[in-house]
Amino acid sequence: MDEQREMKVKNRTMVRTMIITITVFIVLGFILMVTIGVVQNKPLQQKYKYGIVLDAGSSHTSVYIYEWPAEKENNTGMVQQKHACNVKGKGISSYSDKPTLAGASLKECMDEACEAIPVHRHSETPIYLGATAGMRLLKLGNKSASEEVLKSVGQFLQTYPFSYQGARIITGQEEGAFGWITVNYLSNNFGKASTTFGALDLGGASTQITFVTAKVESQDNTIDFRLYGNDYHLYTHSFLCYGKDQVLKMSLSKSINSKHGQTDIIALEDPCFHEGYNVTMTFQSVFNSPCVGRLNLTQNTFTHVGLGKWSECHTVVRKVFQKSECKYSTCSFNGVFQPPVHGNFGAFSAFYFVMDFLNLTAGSLDKAQSKLQEYCALPWNTIKKMYPHVKEKYLAEYCFSGTYILTLLEDGYNFTSDNWNYIRFIKKIGESDAGWTLGYMLNLTNMIPAEAPDKPLLPYGGYVTFMLLLSFLILSLCLLAYKCFCRPTGSGQRDVI
């Protein structure tokens, strides 16, 4: 009996020792898994790639540098703006008389790009230059000069250690479509069931409107994309000559033409400029664009006089739109097909800068018109005192530009009081400027795949969490089994022989 009891005690002791040993190993394994999970998920030093796009606009050139994690090139919302530089002076189209100076004008910003991008990434960093409406107009008026300007900037950019990918004039349709890609890429709308934003762009020489539509009556205004497994059918149109600077020339020319032949034009009264504004201008400064017809005058200058009357200004601006002819079911203006606008829109570039200055980025259409009327009625001397640090040339034009934007959106693109608040005036989305440049680079580098990338069943973080929970469950079951099957025999029990 004593030997049997002793044997049983030894057996129990051995079993307990084994269970304890196994439990210790399980605990150690659990600790090891937790440690590996923590170490595996700790932040690693990120490696980035870079791209450079030069936006050669009608009024100025901007240099944008983009960066993205090297190992996540095809994810939505990964490319972000790292740096931006505005080139001093006017756009490259202004160097038509001295094309060799066009490239040299970019030096300061390109030197900044060399400093912003790590040296070991220079040779693999693509650089693109896209010229917009200013160069389109120059090409219309002087094709050889536009080619010389592009040649100059191309040769200059190739002196830098980046991977030069060309300098070209992009079409208005491309400008609109790439702006739409930028806005929706930065808003992370691709690859989701959510609807996309429309895009409204306004520069000095052109304006673009782009949005998804199912209605097609003109193939000239449509473009198709397949992005992340979704098909997007876009309406897009670019109105050359309808940027804010060219429209001002058009408006002034119409007023001059209405007076031409009646008498010598000594003074031109303008309701779109503040009362007290009085500046001498040359006729050449108005009639030096393909957007404006020629006019033969014996005199060289006239006095531009402001009246500060918004309602009359609104009437004058409306005259630059032709709304009578439309061979389609619906049109915007000048006989151009446009389906009805719908959904949210992002309005950027000059849309934002003008409306932000005038504090008109929020509120109803009626409120915007009322506030603009009050602003235009302020005397010129009052305006100069209110904004002493704003260049007078730009300051003088805000009344006209604001009136043009409201008229373009309402009478041109057919927005109404009902959907006015669907327009969001934006400068940036996150840390990136809204505009066509990011979409342009994404398209040329194939950074947005046509099909949605395959994804694992679980994201990495979810996988680690699942494994840790499973390990904890196994450990708990082991402890429960130990308690159930290895209880010590009570003192009142007797061994059965």
Protein backbone atom coordinates (compact mmCIF):
# COMPACT_ATOMS: atom_id res chain seq x y z
CA MET A 1 0.00 0.00 0.00
CA ASP A 2 2.71 2.46 0.96
CA GLU A 3 4.65 1.66 -2.20
CA GLN A 4 1.55 2.19 -4.34
CA ARG A 5 0.80 5.48 -2.65
CA GLU A 6 4.39 6.56 -3.07
CA MET A 7 4.26 5.57 -6.74
CA LYS A 8 1.07 7.57 -7.27
CA VAL A 9 2.54 10.60 -5.55
CA LYS A 10 5.60 10.36 -7.77
CA ASN A 11 3.39 10.06 -10.85
CA ARG A 12 1.36 13.09 -9.82
CA THR A 13 4.55 15.03 -9.20
CA MET A 14 5.92 14.09 -12.61
CA VAL A 15 2.67 15.08 -14.33
CA ARG A 16 2.58 18.40 -12.50
CA THR A 17 6.21 19.01 -13.38
CA MET A 18 5.52 18.30 -17.03
CA ILE A 19 2.45 20.54 -17.06
CA ILE A 20 4.35 23.34 -15.34
CA THR A 21 7.21 22.92 -17.80
CA ILE A 22 4.84 23.00 -20.79
CA THR A 23 3.04 26.00 -19.33
CA VAL A 24 6.36 27.82 -18.89
CA PHE A 25 7.26 27.12 -22.50
CA ILE A 26 3.82 28.32 -23.65
CA VAL A 27 4.21 31.52 -21.61
CA LEU A 28 7.70 32.06 -23.00
CA GLY A 29 6.35 31.45 -26.52
CA PHE A 30 3.57 33.92 -25.90
CA ILE A 31 6.06 36.52 -24.66
CA LEU A 32 8.25 35.86 -27.69
CA MET A 33 5.31 36.37 -30.07
CA VAL A 34 4.36 39.62 -28.36
CA THR A 35 7.94 40.83 -28.57
CA ILE A 36 8.21 39.94 -32.25
CA GLY A 37 4.88 41.66 -32.94
CA VAL A 38 6.00 44.85 -31.19
CA VAL A 39 9.41 44.89 -32.87
CA GLN A 40 7.91 44.10 -36.26
CA ASN A 41 5.48 47.03 -35.99
CA LYS A 42 7.91 49.60 -34.71
CA PRO A 43 8.38 52.60 -37.06
CA LEU A 44 11.13 52.10 -39.62
CA GLN A 45 13.11 54.79 -41.37
CA GLN A 46 10.99 55.68 -44.40
CA LYS A 47 12.53 55.73 -47.87
CA TYR A 48 11.05 58.19 -50.34
CA LYS A 49 11.02 58.77 -54.06
CA TYR A 50 10.47 62.14 -55.72
CA GLY A 51 9.04 63.80 -58.80
CA ILE A 52 9.13 67.41 -60.08
CA VAL A 53 6.49 69.16 -62.20
CA LEU A 54 6.77 72.72 -63.50
CA ASP A 55 3.44 74.46 -64.10
CA ALA A 56 4.25 77.04 -66.77
CA GLY A 57 1.10 79.16 -66.58
CA SER A 58 0.16 82.34 -68.38
CA SER A 59 1.01 84.68 -65.51
CA HIS A 60 3.78 82.79 -63.70
CA THR A 61 5.57 79.45 -63.37
CA SER A 62 5.45 77.26 -60.26
CA VAL A 63 7.74 74.34 -59.42
CA TYR A 64 6.20 71.48 -57.41
CA ILE A 65 8.13 68.66 -55.76
CA TYR A 66 6.24 65.50 -54.81
CA GLU A 67 7.33 62.62 -52.61
CA TRP A 68 5.96 59.16 -51.83
CA PRO A 69 7.04 56.09 -49.83
CA ALA A 70 9.24 54.02 -52.12
CA GLU A 71 7.56 50.72 -51.20
CA LYS A 72 3.98 52.00 -51.63
CA GLU A 73 4.00 53.55 -55.08
CA ASN A 74 0.56 52.32 -56.18
CA ASN A 75 -1.54 53.15 -53.12
CA THR A 76 -4.12 55.93 -53.24
CA GLY A 77 -3.39 59.06 -51.29
CA MET A 78 0.32 58.27 -50.88
CA VAL A 79 1.92 60.97 -53.05
CA GLN A 80 2.17 64.29 -51.25
CA GLN A 81 3.60 67.70 -52.05
CA LYS A 82 6.96 68.24 -50.39
CA HIS A 83 7.90 71.70 -51.66
CA ALA A 84 6.59 74.46 -53.93
CA CYS A 85 8.38 77.45 -55.42
CA ASN A 86 6.92 80.31 -57.45
CA VAL A 87 9.28 81.58 -60.13
CA LYS A 88 9.79 85.32 -59.97
CA GLY A 89 8.49 87.31 -62.90
CA LYS A 90 5.90 86.48 -65.55
CA GLY A 91 5.17 83.19 -67.29
CA ILE A 92 7.52 81.73 -69.90
CA SER A 93 5.25 82.92 -72.72
CA SER A 94 6.30 86.50 -71.87
CA TYR A 95 9.82 85.67 -73.12
CA SER A 96 8.69 85.30 -76.74
CA ASP A 97 10.97 88.19 -77.78
CA LYS A 98 13.96 86.78 -75.87
CA PRO A 99 13.43 83.00 -75.65
CA THR A 100 16.88 82.29 -74.23
CA LEU A 101 15.91 84.06 -71.01
CA ALA A 102 12.93 81.74 -70.41
CA GLY A 103 15.06 78.88 -69.13
CA ALA A 104 17.32 81.09 -67.00
CA SER A 105 14.24 82.50 -65.21
CA LEU A 106 13.75 79.08 -63.57
CA LYS A 107 17.18 78.98 -61.89
CA GLU A 108 16.27 80.06 -58.35
CA CYS A 109 13.45 77.54 -57.99
CA MET A 110 15.44 74.73 -59.61
CA ASP A 111 18.30 75.37 -57.19
CA GLU A 112 15.78 74.99 -54.37
CA ALA A 113 14.69 71.66 -55.85
CA CYS A 114 18.30 70.42 -55.74
CA GLU A 115 18.43 71.21 -52.03
CA ALA A 116 14.97 69.79 -51.22
CA ILE A 117 15.63 66.37 -52.78
CA PRO A 118 18.36 64.11 -51.33
CA VAL A 119 21.41 63.98 -53.60
CA HIS A 120 21.31 60.19 -53.95
CA ARG A 121 17.78 60.48 -55.42
CA HIS A 122 18.58 63.18 -58.00
CA SER A 123 19.35 60.93 -60.97
CA GLU A 124 16.15 58.88 -60.58
CA THR A 125 13.82 61.85 -60.00
CA PRO A 126 11.68 62.59 -63.09
CA ILE A 127 11.12 66.23 -64.03
CA TYR A 128 8.33 67.42 -66.30
CA LEU A 129 7.32 70.85 -67.59
CA GLY A 130 3.76 71.40 -68.73
CA ALA A 131 2.84 74.73 -70.31
CA THR A 132 -0.80 75.82 -70.28
CA ALA A 133 -2.97 78.51 -71.85
CA GLY A 134 -0.35 81.27 -72.04
CA MET A 135 1.80 79.12 -74.29
CA ARG A 136 -1.27 77.91 -76.20
CA LEU A 137 -2.02 81.51 -77.06
CA LEU A 138 1.60 82.17 -78.02
CA LYS A 139 1.54 79.12 -80.28
CA LEU A 140 -1.59 80.47 -81.99
CA GLY A 141 0.03 83.86 -82.60
CA ASN A 142 3.66 82.85 -83.12
CA LYS A 143 4.38 79.14 -83.40
CA SER A 144 8.13 79.51 -83.94
CA ALA A 145 8.46 81.70 -80.85
CA SER A 146 6.62 79.14 -78.71
CA GLU A 147 8.95 76.42 -79.97
CA GLU A 148 12.01 78.51 -79.13
CA VAL A 149 10.72 79.17 -75.62
CA LEU A 150 10.12 75.46 -75.00
CA LYS A 151 13.56 74.66 -76.42
CA SER A 152 15.13 77.18 -74.04
CA VAL A 153 13.48 75.80 -70.91
CA GLY A 154 14.19 72.23 -72.02
CA GLN A 155 17.90 72.89 -72.50
CA PHE A 156 18.11 74.66 -69.15
CA LEU A 157 16.34 71.89 -67.23
CA GLN A 158 18.72 69.32 -68.69
CA THR A 159 21.63 71.07 -66.99
CA TYR A 160 20.29 69.76 -63.66
CA PRO A 161 20.99 66.23 -62.38
CA PHE A 162 17.38 65.08 -62.60
CA SER A 163 15.80 62.69 -65.12
CA TYR A 164 14.43 65.14 -67.70
CA GLN A 165 11.15 63.89 -69.22
CA GLY A 166 10.33 66.74 -71.56
CA ALA A 167 8.69 70.16 -71.80
CA ARG A 168 5.48 70.51 -73.79
CA ILE A 169 2.26 72.45 -74.11
CA ILE A 170 -0.58 70.42 -72.63
CA THR A 171 -4.08 70.63 -74.08
CA GLY A 172 -6.97 72.26 -72.28
CA GLN A 173 -8.68 68.88 -72.03
CA GLU A 174 -5.60 67.41 -70.34
CA GLU A 175 -5.42 70.33 -67.94
CA GLY A 176 -9.02 69.81 -66.88
CA ALA A 177 -8.74 66.02 -66.60
CA PHE A 178 -5.48 66.09 -64.61
CA GLY A 179 -6.96 68.68 -62.23
CA TRP A 180 -9.88 66.31 -61.66
CA ILE A 181 -7.47 63.43 -60.96
CA THR A 182 -5.52 65.56 -58.45
CA VAL A 183 -8.58 66.62 -56.48
CA ASN A 184 -9.99 63.11 -56.23
CA TYR A 185 -6.64 61.40 -55.62
CA LEU A 186 -5.84 63.71 -52.69
CA SER A 187 -9.40 63.26 -51.38
CA ASN A 188 -8.87 59.48 -51.55
CA ASN A 189 -12.00 59.01 -53.67
CA PHE A 190 -10.55 56.43 -56.04
CA GLY A 191 -11.06 52.76 -55.30
CA LYS A 192 -14.09 53.51 -53.13
CA ALA A 193 -17.82 53.51 -53.66
CA SER A 194 -17.97 57.21 -52.78
CA THR A 195 -18.76 59.73 -55.50
CA THR A 196 -16.05 61.93 -56.98
CA PHE A 197 -15.66 65.70 -56.94
CA GLY A 198 -15.97 67.81 -60.04
CA ALA A 199 -13.07 70.17 -60.76
CA LEU A 200 -13.20 73.88 -61.58
CA ASP A 201 -9.95 75.55 -62.60
CA LEU A 202 -9.32 79.18 -63.47
CA GLY A 203 -6.07 80.69 -64.65
CA GLY A 204 -5.04 83.88 -66.35
CA ALA A 205 -5.81 82.69 -69.89
CA SER A 206 -8.24 79.75 -69.62
CA THR A 207 -10.80 78.05 -67.42
CA GLN A 208 -11.69 74.35 -67.16
CA ILE A 209 -14.68 72.39 -65.89
CA THR A 210 -14.57 68.59 -65.42
CA PHE A 211 -16.99 66.16 -63.77
CA VAL A 212 -18.30 62.60 -64.07
CA THR A 213 -21.37 62.26 -66.25
CA ALA A 214 -23.39 59.61 -68.04
CA LYS A 215 -24.80 62.04 -70.58
CA VAL A 216 -22.80 62.42 -73.80
CA GLU A 217 -23.76 64.52 -76.80
CA SER A 218 -20.33 65.70 -77.93
CA GLN A 219 -17.31 63.39 -78.14
CA ASP A 220 -15.04 66.43 -78.12
CA ASN A 221 -15.89 67.01 -74.47
CA THR A 222 -15.46 63.53 -73.04
CA ILE A 223 -12.56 61.46 -71.75
CA ASP A 224 -12.52 58.03 -70.10
CA PHE A 225 -10.31 56.73 -67.29
CA ARG A 226 -10.10 53.34 -65.60
CA LEU A 227 -8.58 53.81 -62.17
CA TYR A 228 -8.32 51.24 -59.36
CA GLY A 229 -10.81 48.97 -61.09
CA ASN A 230 -13.46 51.67 -61.63
CA ASP A 231 -14.48 53.28 -64.92
CA TYR A 232 -14.90 57.06 -64.96
CA HIS A 233 -16.61 58.81 -67.86
CA LEU A 234 -15.76 62.51 -67.68
CA TYR A 235 -17.19 65.61 -69.22
CA THR A 236 -14.41 68.17 -69.60
CA HIS A 237 -13.96 71.41 -71.49
CA SER A 238 -11.37 74.17 -71.47
CA PHE A 239 -12.28 77.68 -72.57
CA LEU A 240 -9.21 79.34 -74.01
CA CYS A 241 -9.31 83.15 -73.61
CA TYR A 242 -11.66 82.86 -70.62
CA GLY A 243 -9.05 83.10 -67.90
CA LYS A 244 -9.47 86.18 -65.74
CA ASP A 245 -6.66 88.21 -67.39
CA GLN A 246 -7.80 87.56 -70.95
CA VAL A 247 -11.45 88.20 -70.11
CA LEU A 248 -10.45 91.61 -68.76
CA LYS A 249 -8.82 92.38 -72.11
CA MET A 250 -11.94 91.14 -73.90
CA SER A 251 -14.18 93.29 -71.73
CA LEU A 252 -12.04 96.41 -72.24
CA SER A 253 -11.85 95.79 -75.99
CA LYS A 254 -15.62 95.52 -76.25
CA SER A 255 -16.01 98.85 -74.44
CA ILE A 256 -13.37 100.46 -76.66
CA ASN A 257 -14.96 99.05 -79.82
CA SER A 258 -18.35 100.42 -78.77
CA LYS A 259 -16.84 103.91 -78.64
CA HIS A 260 -14.59 103.58 -81.67
CA GLY A 261 -15.63 105.88 -84.53
CA GLN A 262 -17.71 108.13 -82.31
CA THR A 263 -14.86 110.28 -81.05
CA ASP A 264 -11.28 110.00 -79.91
CA ILE A 265 -11.09 107.72 -76.92
CA ILE A 266 -9.44 109.81 -74.25
CA ALA A 267 -11.05 108.24 -71.20
CA LEU A 268 -12.76 104.88 -70.78
CA GLU A 269 -15.18 104.72 -67.85
CA ASP A 270 -15.32 101.28 -66.29
CA PRO A 271 -17.97 100.24 -63.70
CA CYS A 272 -15.81 97.22 -62.69
CA PHE A 273 -13.07 99.38 -61.15
CA HIS A 274 -13.36 101.45 -57.98
CA GLU A 275 -14.48 105.06 -58.04
CA GLY A 276 -11.39 107.27 -58.03
CA TYR A 277 -9.29 104.75 -59.97
CA ASN A 278 -7.52 106.60 -62.77
CA VAL A 279 -4.67 105.02 -64.74
CA THR A 280 -3.19 105.69 -68.16
CA MET A 281 -3.06 102.57 -70.34
CA THR A 282 -1.80 101.80 -73.83
CA PHE A 283 -4.12 100.35 -76.44
CA GLN A 284 -1.37 97.85 -77.19
CA SER A 285 -1.74 96.39 -73.67
CA VAL A 286 -5.37 95.55 -74.48
CA PHE A 287 -5.11 94.47 -78.13
CA ASN A 288 -1.92 92.39 -77.85
CA SER A 289 -3.66 89.04 -77.54
CA PRO A 290 -5.16 86.53 -80.01
CA CYS A 291 -8.25 86.63 -77.80
CA VAL A 292 -8.88 90.24 -78.81
CA GLY A 293 -9.35 91.51 -82.36
CA ARG A 294 -7.17 94.19 -83.90
CA LEU A 295 -8.06 97.88 -83.78
CA ASN A 296 -6.33 100.65 -85.71
CA LEU A 297 -6.12 103.90 -83.77
CA THR A 298 -3.99 106.98 -84.29
CA GLN A 299 -3.55 107.49 -80.54
CA ASN A 300 -1.51 105.22 -78.28
CA THR A 301 -2.96 105.70 -74.80
CA PHE A 302 -6.21 106.23 -72.95
CA THR A 303 -7.22 106.85 -69.37
CA HIS A 304 -8.92 104.00 -67.55
CA VAL A 305 -11.42 105.52 -65.10
CA GLY A 306 -13.27 103.56 -62.41
CA LEU A 307 -16.93 104.07 -61.52
CA GLY A 308 -17.47 101.40 -58.85
CA LYS A 309 -20.95 100.31 -59.96
CA TRP A 310 -21.35 96.55 -59.53
CA SER A 311 -24.73 96.11 -61.25
CA GLU A 312 -23.41 97.82 -64.39
CA CYS A 313 -20.22 95.80 -64.13
CA HIS A 314 -22.27 92.60 -64.00
CA THR A 315 -24.00 93.63 -67.23
CA VAL A 316 -20.67 94.39 -68.92
CA VAL A 317 -19.14 91.05 -67.91
CA ARG A 318 -22.16 89.13 -69.18
CA LYS A 319 -21.45 90.44 -72.67
CA VAL A 320 -18.33 88.25 -72.98
CA PHE A 321 -20.57 85.16 -72.95
CA GLN A 322 -22.58 84.11 -75.97
CA LYS A 323 -25.64 82.20 -74.79
CA SER A 324 -28.05 82.32 -77.75
CA GLU A 325 -26.73 79.47 -79.92
CA CYS A 326 -26.86 75.84 -78.73
CA LYS A 327 -27.34 72.83 -81.00
CA TYR A 328 -27.37 70.43 -78.02
CA SER A 329 -29.98 69.83 -75.35
CA THR A 330 -27.93 71.89 -72.88
CA CYS A 331 -24.91 74.18 -73.25
CA SER A 332 -22.61 76.23 -71.06
CA PHE A 333 -21.79 79.19 -73.33
CA ASN A 334 -20.46 79.92 -76.81
CA GLY A 335 -22.45 76.93 -78.10
CA VAL A 336 -20.39 74.38 -76.11
CA PHE A 337 -22.20 71.25 -74.93
CA GLN A 338 -22.38 70.77 -71.15
CA PRO A 339 -24.61 68.38 -69.21
CA PRO A 340 -26.24 69.78 -66.05
CA VAL A 341 -23.76 70.12 -63.19
CA HIS A 342 -24.31 67.82 -60.23
CA GLY A 343 -22.53 66.78 -57.04
CA ASN A 344 -19.72 68.53 -55.21
CA PHE A 345 -17.07 70.59 -56.97
CA GLY A 346 -13.61 71.72 -55.95
CA ALA A 347 -12.80 75.20 -57.33
CA PHE A 348 -9.11 76.03 -57.19
CA SER A 349 -6.35 78.25 -58.59
CA ALA A 350 -7.71 81.77 -59.29
CA PHE A 351 -11.19 80.68 -58.22
CA TYR A 352 -9.83 80.27 -54.71
CA PHE A 353 -7.39 83.19 -54.57
CA VAL A 354 -9.91 85.78 -55.73
CA MET A 355 -12.83 84.49 -53.67
CA ASP A 356 -10.64 84.09 -50.58
CA PHE A 357 -9.40 87.68 -50.85
CA LEU A 358 -12.99 88.90 -51.14
CA ASN A 359 -14.10 86.63 -48.27
CA LEU A 360 -16.66 84.93 -50.51
CA THR A 361 -15.66 81.28 -50.11
CA ALA A 362 -18.69 80.51 -47.93
CA GLY A 363 -22.35 81.49 -47.99
CA SER A 364 -25.10 81.68 -50.59
CA LEU A 365 -24.90 83.08 -54.12
CA ASP A 366 -27.14 86.01 -53.16
CA LYS A 367 -24.91 86.80 -50.19
CA ALA A 368 -21.80 86.69 -52.39
CA GLN A 369 -23.37 89.12 -54.87
CA SER A 370 -24.42 91.46 -52.08
CA LYS A 371 -20.99 91.50 -50.45
CA LEU A 372 -19.25 92.00 -53.78
CA GLN A 373 -21.52 94.93 -54.59
CA GLU A 374 -20.52 96.56 -51.29
CA TYR A 375 -16.83 95.94 -51.98
CA CYS A 376 -16.94 97.38 -55.50
CA ALA A 377 -18.65 100.52 -54.20
CA LEU A 378 -15.72 101.38 -51.92
CA PRO A 379 -13.57 104.31 -53.19
CA TRP A 380 -10.14 103.48 -54.60
CA ASN A 381 -8.31 105.44 -51.89
CA THR A 382 -10.17 103.47 -49.21
CA ILE A 383 -9.23 100.18 -50.84
CA LYS A 384 -5.55 101.15 -50.98
CA LYS A 385 -5.57 102.03 -47.29
CA MET A 386 -7.27 98.75 -46.41
CA TYR A 387 -4.68 96.67 -48.30
CA PRO A 388 -1.43 98.65 -48.31
CA HIS A 389 0.75 95.59 -48.99
CA VAL A 390 -1.12 94.33 -52.05
CA LYS A 391 0.31 95.33 -55.43
CA GLU A 392 -1.97 98.01 -56.89
CA LYS A 393 -2.34 96.26 -60.26
CA TYR A 394 -3.80 93.16 -58.61
CA LEU A 395 -5.75 95.14 -56.03
CA ALA A 396 -7.50 97.19 -58.71
CA GLU A 397 -8.75 94.07 -60.53
CA TYR A 398 -10.45 92.20 -57.66
CA CYS A 399 -13.84 93.82 -58.25
CA PHE A 400 -13.76 92.79 -61.91
CA SER A 401 -12.33 89.32 -61.19
CA GLY A 402 -14.87 88.60 -58.46
CA THR A 403 -17.72 89.69 -60.72
CA TYR A 404 -16.37 87.54 -63.53
CA ILE A 405 -16.12 84.46 -61.30
CA LEU A 406 -19.71 84.80 -60.07
CA THR A 407 -20.93 85.37 -63.63
CA LEU A 408 -18.89 82.48 -65.04
CA LEU A 409 -20.22 80.04 -62.45
CA GLU A 410 -23.83 81.20 -62.66
CA ASP A 411 -24.33 82.27 -66.28
CA GLY A 412 -21.51 80.25 -67.82
CA TYR A 413 -21.49 76.89 -66.05
CA ASN A 414 -25.14 77.10 -64.93
CA PHE A 415 -24.75 76.82 -61.17
CA THR A 416 -27.76 78.14 -59.27
CA SER A 417 -28.64 79.27 -55.77
CA ASP A 418 -29.74 75.69 -55.07
CA ASN A 419 -26.38 74.06 -55.74
CA TRP A 420 -24.03 77.00 -55.08
CA ASN A 421 -22.99 75.57 -51.70
CA TYR A 422 -21.81 72.39 -53.45
CA ILE A 423 -18.84 74.43 -54.70
CA ARG A 424 -15.86 74.26 -52.33
CA PHE A 425 -13.22 76.89 -52.94
CA ILE A 426 -9.95 75.15 -52.09
CA LYS A 427 -6.27 75.99 -52.14
CA LYS A 428 -4.85 72.79 -50.69
CA ILE A 429 -6.00 69.28 -49.87
CA GLY A 430 -3.87 68.18 -46.96
CA GLU A 431 -0.42 69.60 -47.65
CA SER A 432 -0.74 69.52 -51.45
CA ASP A 433 -1.92 72.33 -53.73
CA ALA A 434 -5.01 71.61 -55.79
CA GLY A 435 -4.20 71.83 -59.50
CA TRP A 436 -3.34 69.75 -62.54
CA THR A 437 0.35 69.09 -61.82
CA LEU A 438 0.00 66.12 -59.46
CA GLY A 439 -2.50 64.40 -61.75
CA TYR A 440 -0.14 65.01 -64.67
CA MET A 441 2.77 63.30 -62.90
CA LEU A 442 0.62 60.42 -61.63
CA ASN A 443 -0.58 59.77 -65.17
CA LEU A 444 2.86 59.91 -66.80
CA THR A 445 4.50 57.70 -64.17
CA ASN A 446 1.59 55.20 -64.12
CA MET A 447 1.29 55.67 -60.38
CA ILE A 448 -2.46 55.05 -60.50
CA PRO A 449 -3.11 51.47 -61.68
CA ALA A 450 -6.08 50.68 -63.91
CA GLU A 451 -7.04 47.76 -61.68
CA ALA A 452 -7.34 47.73 -57.91
CA PRO A 453 -4.26 46.06 -56.36
CA ASP A 454 -4.76 42.67 -54.69
CA LYS A 455 -4.97 42.79 -50.92
CA PRO A 456 -4.24 40.09 -48.31
CA LEU A 457 -7.11 38.64 -46.30
CA LEU A 458 -6.00 40.65 -43.30
CA PRO A 459 -3.85 43.76 -43.08
CA TYR A 460 -0.50 43.18 -41.41
CA GLY A 461 -1.53 44.83 -38.15
CA GLY A 462 -4.74 42.78 -38.07
CA TYR A 463 -2.77 39.59 -38.72
CA VAL A 464 -0.44 40.24 -35.79
CA THR A 465 -3.36 41.09 -33.51
CA PHE A 466 -5.20 37.92 -34.54
CA MET A 467 -2.15 35.74 -33.81
CA LEU A 468 -1.66 37.30 -30.39
CA LEU A 469 -5.31 36.76 -29.46
CA LEU A 470 -5.12 33.17 -30.68
CA SER A 471 -2.02 32.57 -28.57
CA PHE A 472 -3.70 34.05 -25.53
CA LEU A 473 -6.72 31.79 -26.10
CA ILE A 474 -4.49 28.68 -26.30
CA LEU A 475 -2.71 29.64 -23.10
CA SER A 476 -6.02 30.15 -21.33
CA LEU A 477 -7.26 26.75 -22.47
CA CYS A 478 -4.06 25.10 -21.20
CA LEU A 479 -4.46 26.67 -17.77
CA LEU A 480 -8.12 25.66 -17.69
CA ALA A 481 -7.18 22.08 -18.60
CA TYR A 482 -4.60 22.01 -15.84
CA LYS A 483 -7.14 23.05 -13.25
CA CYS A 484 -9.71 20.52 -14.46
CA PHE A 485 -7.57 17.41 -14.84
CA CYS A 486 -4.81 17.84 -12.32
CA ARG A 487 -6.62 18.57 -9.09
CA PRO A 488 -4.94 16.97 -6.01
CA THR A 489 -6.78 13.99 -4.49
CA GLY A 490 -8.76 14.92 -1.36
CA SER A 491 -7.54 13.66 2.10
CA GLY A 492 -10.76 11.67 2.60
CA GLN A 493 -10.22 9.53 -0.53
CA ARG A 494 -9.01 5.95 -0.23
CA ASP A 495 -7.20 3.88 -2.73
CA VAL A 496 -9.11 0.95 -4.13
CA ILE A 497 -7.18 -2.33 -4.15
